């Protein structure tokens, strides 16, 4: 199968499989950077300037989901610097169609694929310590959006390094 990108629009994103396409390997979580030594000793984090979703509701949902995952790992959010870690995210969505080789030129209906990148860095050096990306088909239905964003962010943090037991 081949995929064609038919457009890019900044926005939010959501959970894999929403449109029944979860078996495809091009979608899912990809950890791009993970430096446990810089993460496990951290106790606090601050939000840094990034490229937030232009949709204020989606931005709020993504930030809230990331905050929940950071808190679940024992990190306290600071309202302003200094913090042990700096967090940013970038999101976008695009339309794709699936084209089957066996049925020449027969394409599926366009569907939306979302991308979310979360970057956690050392605020002093700006070195990326944990950078994770998720690409996934999304259901743009606003009624399900918040739950899907929360589930997707949760999946992204499953590989976050755990602090050593003391």
C-alpha atoms as a PDB file:
ATOM      1  CA  UNK A   1       0.000   0.000   0.000  1.00  0.00           C
ATOM      2  CA  UNK A   2       1.108   3.556  -0.637  1.00  0.00           C
ATOM      3  CA  UNK A   3       0.036   6.708   1.158  1.00  0.00           C
ATOM      4  CA  UNK A   4      -0.223  10.202  -0.244  1.00  0.00           C
ATOM      5  CA  UNK A   5      -0.221  13.328   1.901  1.00  0.00           C
ATOM      6  CA  UNK A   6      -2.982  15.607   0.728  1.00  0.00           C
ATOM      7  CA  UNK A   7      -2.505  18.509   3.125  1.00  0.00           C
ATOM      8  CA  UNK A   8      -0.998  19.780   6.329  1.00  0.00           C
ATOM      9  CA  UNK A   9      -2.883  21.805   8.933  1.00  0.00           C
ATOM     10  CA  UNK A  10      -1.651  22.637  12.424  1.00  0.00           C
ATOM     11  CA  UNK A  11      -3.998  21.245  15.039  1.00  0.00           C
ATOM     12  CA  UNK A  12      -4.320  18.599  17.731  1.00  0.00           C
ATOM     13  CA  UNK A  13      -4.106  14.850  17.422  1.00  0.00           C
ATOM     14  CA  UNK A  14      -5.348  11.713  19.060  1.00  0.00           C
ATOM     15  CA  UNK A  15      -5.260   7.946  19.730  1.00  0.00           C
ATOM     16  CA  UNK A  16      -4.180   5.204  17.307  1.00  0.00           C
ATOM     17  CA  UNK A  17      -6.903   3.098  15.833  1.00  0.00           C
ATOM     18  CA  UNK A  18      -9.688   5.647  15.992  1.00  0.00           C
ATOM     19  CA  UNK A  19     -10.517   4.951  12.384  1.00  0.00           C
ATOM     20  CA  UNK A  20      -9.715   1.244  12.445  1.00  0.00           C
ATOM     21  CA  UNK A  21      -6.222   1.616  10.972  1.00  0.00           C
ATOM     22  CA  UNK A  22      -4.229   0.643  14.045  1.00  0.00           C
ATOM     23  CA  UNK A  23      -2.476  -2.343  12.466  1.00  0.00           C
ATOM     24  CA  UNK A  24      -0.311  -0.256  10.188  1.00  0.00           C
ATOM     25  CA  UNK A  25       3.318   0.123  11.177  1.00  0.00           C
ATOM     26  CA  UNK A  26       3.733   3.689   9.991  1.00  0.00           C
ATOM     27  CA  UNK A  27       1.622   4.848  12.927  1.00  0.00           C
ATOM     28  CA  UNK A  28       2.413   4.682  16.616  1.00  0.00           C
ATOM     29  CA  UNK A  29       4.868   5.934  19.223  1.00  0.00           C
ATOM     30  CA  UNK A  30       8.512   6.517  18.372  1.00  0.00           C
ATOM     31  CA  UNK A  31      10.990   7.523  21.072  1.00  0.00           C
ATOM     32  CA  UNK A  32      13.578   9.715  19.376  1.00  0.00           C
ATOM     33  CA  UNK A  33      15.661  10.577  22.479  1.00  0.00           C
ATOM     34  CA  UNK A  34      15.734   9.124  25.971  1.00  0.00           C
ATOM     35  CA  UNK A  35      18.503  10.060  28.391  1.00  0.00           C
ATOM     36  CA  UNK A  36      17.488   8.506  31.685  1.00  0.00           C
ATOM     37  CA  UNK A  37      20.309  10.068  33.701  1.00  0.00           C
ATOM     38  CA  UNK A  38      18.982  13.576  33.090  1.00  0.00           C
ATOM     39  CA  UNK A  39      15.375  12.616  33.748  1.00  0.00           C
ATOM     40  CA  UNK A  40      15.322  10.367  36.791  1.00  0.00           C
ATOM     41  CA  UNK A  41      16.849  12.902  39.210  1.00  0.00           C
ATOM     42  CA  UNK A  42      14.450  15.687  38.187  1.00  0.00           C
ATOM     43  CA  UNK A  43      11.732  16.834  40.573  1.00  0.00           C
ATOM     44  CA  UNK A  44      10.219  19.840  38.763  1.00  0.00           C
ATOM     45  CA  UNK A  45       9.407  21.059  35.266  1.00  0.00           C
ATOM     46  CA  UNK A  46       8.346  24.246  33.526  1.00  0.00           C
ATOM     47  CA  UNK A  47       6.604  24.810  30.223  1.00  0.00           C
ATOM     48  CA  UNK A  48       8.853  26.424  27.616  1.00  0.00           C
ATOM     49  CA  UNK A  49       7.822  28.307  24.490  1.00  0.00           C
ATOM     50  CA  UNK A  50       7.015  25.842  21.729  1.00  0.00           C
ATOM     51  CA  UNK A  51       4.622  25.590  18.806  1.00  0.00           C
ATOM     52  CA  UNK A  52       1.265  25.022  20.453  1.00  0.00           C
ATOM     53  CA  UNK A  53      -1.857  24.088  18.576  1.00  0.00           C
ATOM     54  CA  UNK A  54      -3.639  27.158  17.215  1.00  0.00           C
ATOM     55  CA  UNK A  55      -6.880  25.614  18.482  1.00  0.00           C
ATOM     56  CA  UNK A  56      -6.979  26.813  22.105  1.00  0.00           C
ATOM     57  CA  UNK A  57      -9.186  23.904  23.223  1.00  0.00           C
ATOM     58  CA  UNK A  58      -6.810  21.343  21.704  1.00  0.00           C
ATOM     59  CA  UNK A  59      -3.838  23.164  23.245  1.00  0.00           C
ATOM     60  CA  UNK A  60      -5.493  23.039  26.667  1.00  0.00           C
ATOM     61  CA  UNK A  61      -6.231  19.312  26.273  1.00  0.00           C
ATOM     62  CA  UNK A  62      -2.673  18.445  25.215  1.00  0.00           C
ATOM     63  CA  UNK A  63      -1.092  20.508  28.015  1.00  0.00           C
ATOM     64  CA  UNK A  64      -3.436  18.963  30.604  1.00  0.00           C
ATOM     65  CA  UNK A  65      -2.644  15.431  29.384  1.00  0.00           C
ATOM     66  CA  UNK A  66       1.108  16.065  29.513  1.00  0.00           C
ATOM     67  CA  UNK A  67       0.778  17.645  32.972  1.00  0.00           C
ATOM     68  CA  UNK A  68      -1.061  14.515  34.197  1.00  0.00           C
ATOM     69  CA  UNK A  69       1.679  12.237  32.869  1.00  0.00           C
ATOM     70  CA  UNK A  70       4.447  14.366  34.380  1.00  0.00           C
ATOM     71  CA  UNK A  71       2.647  14.375  37.763  1.00  0.00           C
ATOM     72  CA  UNK A  72       2.213  10.591  37.544  1.00  0.00           C
ATOM     73  CA  UNK A  73       6.005  10.386  37.345  1.00  0.00           C
ATOM     74  CA  UNK A  74       6.419  12.477  40.485  1.00  0.00           C
ATOM     75  CA  UNK A  75       7.282  15.763  38.773  1.00  0.00           C
ATOM     76  CA  UNK A  76       5.857  19.032  40.063  1.00  0.00           C
ATOM     77  CA  UNK A  77       4.962  21.792  37.601  1.00  0.00           C
ATOM     78  CA  UNK A  78       6.513  25.174  38.359  1.00  0.00           C
ATOM     79  CA  UNK A  79       4.704  28.312  37.148  1.00  0.00           C
ATOM     80  CA  UNK A  80       7.995  29.853  35.992  1.00  0.00           C
ATOM     81  CA  UNK A  81      11.686  29.041  35.748  1.00  0.00           C
ATOM     82  CA  UNK A  82      13.725  27.612  37.274  1.00  0.00           C
ATOM     83  CA  UNK A  83      12.745  23.993  36.868  1.00  0.00           C
ATOM     84  CA  UNK A  84      14.739  20.798  36.483  1.00  0.00           C
ATOM     85  CA  UNK A  85      13.153  20.116  33.078  1.00  0.00           C
ATOM     86  CA  UNK A  86      11.573  22.188  30.303  1.00  0.00           C
ATOM     87  CA  UNK A  87       8.601  20.777  28.361  1.00  0.00           C
ATOM     88  CA  UNK A  88       7.335  21.735  24.898  1.00  0.00           C
ATOM     89  CA  UNK A  89       5.116  20.104  22.308  1.00  0.00           C
ATOM     90  CA  UNK A  90       4.329  20.478  18.631  1.00  0.00           C
ATOM     91  CA  UNK A  91       1.245  19.114  16.901  1.00  0.00           C
ATOM     92  CA  UNK A  92      -0.128  18.945  13.390  1.00  0.00           C
ATOM     93  CA  UNK A  93      -2.570  16.950  11.363  1.00  0.00           C
ATOM     94  CA  UNK A  94      -2.787  16.000   7.736  1.00  0.00           C
ATOM     95  CA  UNK A  95      -5.128  14.210   5.385  1.00  0.00           C
ATOM     96  CA  UNK A  96      -4.098  10.908   3.855  1.00  0.00           C
ATOM     97  CA  UNK A  97      -5.667   8.399   1.507  1.00  0.00           C
ATOM     98  CA  UNK A  98      -4.803   4.747   1.184  1.00  0.00           C
ATOM     99  CA  UNK A  99      -4.169   3.503  -2.348  1.00  0.00           C
ATOM    100  CA  UNK A 100      -4.275  -0.227  -3.040  1.00  0.00           C
ATOM    101  CA  UNK A 101      -1.821  -1.683  -5.568  1.00  0.00           C
ATOM    102  CA  UNK A 102      -4.118  -4.597  -6.334  1.00  0.00           C
ATOM    103  CA  UNK A 103      -6.993  -2.399  -7.433  1.00  0.00           C
ATOM    104  CA  UNK A 104      -5.215   0.163  -9.561  1.00  0.00           C
ATOM    105  CA  UNK A 105      -5.978   3.738  -8.583  1.00  0.00           C
ATOM    106  CA  UNK A 106      -8.666   2.789  -6.087  1.00  0.00           C
ATOM    107  CA  UNK A 107      -8.264   5.019  -3.032  1.00  0.00           C
ATOM    108  CA  UNK A 108      -9.909   5.091   0.357  1.00  0.00           C
ATOM    109  CA  UNK A 109     -11.790   8.103   1.552  1.00  0.00           C
ATOM    110  CA  UNK A 110      -9.446  10.731   2.983  1.00  0.00           C
ATOM    111  CA  UNK A 111      -8.757  10.336   6.686  1.00  0.00           C
ATOM    112  CA  UNK A 112      -6.961  12.517   9.205  1.00  0.00           C
ATOM    113  CA  UNK A 113      -3.590  11.571  10.671  1.00  0.00           C
ATOM    114  CA  UNK A 114      -2.286  13.493  13.657  1.00  0.00           C
ATOM    115  CA  UNK A 115       1.274  13.971  14.851  1.00  0.00           C
ATOM    116  CA  UNK A 116       2.312  15.014  18.334  1.00  0.00           C
ATOM    117  CA  UNK A 117       5.914  15.553  19.402  1.00  0.00           C
ATOM    118  CA  UNK A 118       6.714  16.080  23.091  1.00  0.00           C
ATOM    119  CA  UNK A 119      10.195  17.313  23.936  1.00  0.00           C
ATOM    120  CA  UNK A 120      11.548  17.379  27.484  1.00  0.00           C
ATOM    121  CA  UNK A 121      14.899  19.088  27.814  1.00  0.00           C
ATOM    122  CA  UNK A 122      17.485  20.429  30.217  1.00  0.00           C
ATOM    123  CA  UNK A 123      16.497  24.097  30.551  1.00  0.00           C
ATOM    124  CA  UNK A 124      20.094  25.273  31.064  1.00  0.00           C
ATOM    125  CA  UNK A 125      21.748  23.473  28.133  1.00  0.00           C
ATOM    126  CA  UNK A 126      18.589  22.964  26.029  1.00  0.00           C
ATOM    127  CA  UNK A 127      19.740  19.384  25.459  1.00  0.00           C
ATOM    128  CA  UNK A 128      16.814  17.121  24.619  1.00  0.00           C
ATOM    129  CA  UNK A 129      16.440  14.425  27.280  1.00  0.00           C
ATOM    130  CA  UNK A 130      13.195  12.786  26.161  1.00  0.00           C
ATOM    131  CA  UNK A 131      11.696  13.349  22.746  1.00  0.00           C
ATOM    132  CA  UNK A 132       8.779  11.205  21.727  1.00  0.00           C
ATOM    133  CA  UNK A 133       6.579  11.341  18.648  1.00  0.00           C
ATOM    134  CA  UNK A 134       3.251   9.778  17.852  1.00  0.00           C
ATOM    135  CA  UNK A 135       1.651   9.584  14.427  1.00  0.00           C
ATOM    136  CA  UNK A 136      -1.846   8.161  14.377  1.00  0.00           C
ATOM    137  CA  UNK A 137      -5.129   8.230  12.493  1.00  0.00           C
ATOM    138  CA  UNK A 138      -7.536  10.415  14.439  1.00  0.00           C
ATOM    139  CA  UNK A 139     -11.237  10.879  14.719  1.00  0.00           C
ATOM    140  CA  UNK A 140     -11.810  14.644  14.646  1.00  0.00           C
ATOM    141  CA  UNK A 141     -15.142  14.292  16.491  1.00  0.00           C
ATOM    142  CA  UNK A 142     -14.965  16.941  19.279  1.00  0.00           C
ATOM    143  CA  UNK A 143     -17.003  14.739  21.636  1.00  0.00           C
ATOM    144  CA  UNK A 144     -14.169  12.189  21.826  1.00  0.00           C
ATOM    145  CA  UNK A 145     -11.175  14.459  21.389  1.00  0.00           C
ATOM    146  CA  UNK A 146     -10.155  15.011  25.026  1.00  0.00           C
ATOM    147  CA  UNK A 147     -10.283  11.319  25.951  1.00  0.00           C
ATOM    148  CA  UNK A 148      -8.348  10.353  22.828  1.00  0.00           C
ATOM    149  CA  UNK A 149      -5.663  12.985  23.441  1.00  0.00           C
ATOM    150  CA  UNK A 150      -5.304  11.765  27.026  1.00  0.00           C
ATOM    151  CA  UNK A 151      -4.945   8.142  25.925  1.00  0.00           C
ATOM    152  CA  UNK A 152      -2.412   9.039  23.224  1.00  0.00           C
ATOM    153  CA  UNK A 153      -0.248  11.095  25.599  1.00  0.00           C
ATOM    154  CA  UNK A 154      -0.410   8.268  28.138  1.00  0.00           C
ATOM    155  CA  UNK A 155       0.894   5.853  25.487  1.00  0.00           C
ATOM    156  CA  UNK A 156       3.707   8.278  24.659  1.00  0.00           C
ATOM    157  CA  UNK A 157       4.875   8.332  28.290  1.00  0.00           C
ATOM    158  CA  UNK A 158       4.929   4.544  28.732  1.00  0.00           C
ATOM    159  CA  UNK A 159       8.635   4.545  27.862  1.00  0.00           C
ATOM    160  CA  UNK A 160       9.544   7.465  30.135  1.00  0.00           C
ATOM    161  CA  UNK A 161      12.465   6.346  32.367  1.00  0.00           C
ATOM    162  CA  UNK A 162      11.518   5.479  35.936  1.00  0.00           C
ATOM    163  CA  UNK A 163      13.438   6.918  38.870  1.00  0.00           C
ATOM    164  CA  UNK A 164      15.499   4.392  40.787  1.00  0.00           C
ATOM    165  CA  UNK A 165      13.887   3.047  43.975  1.00  0.00           C
ATOM    166  CA  UNK A 166      15.508   4.514  47.079  1.00  0.00           C
END
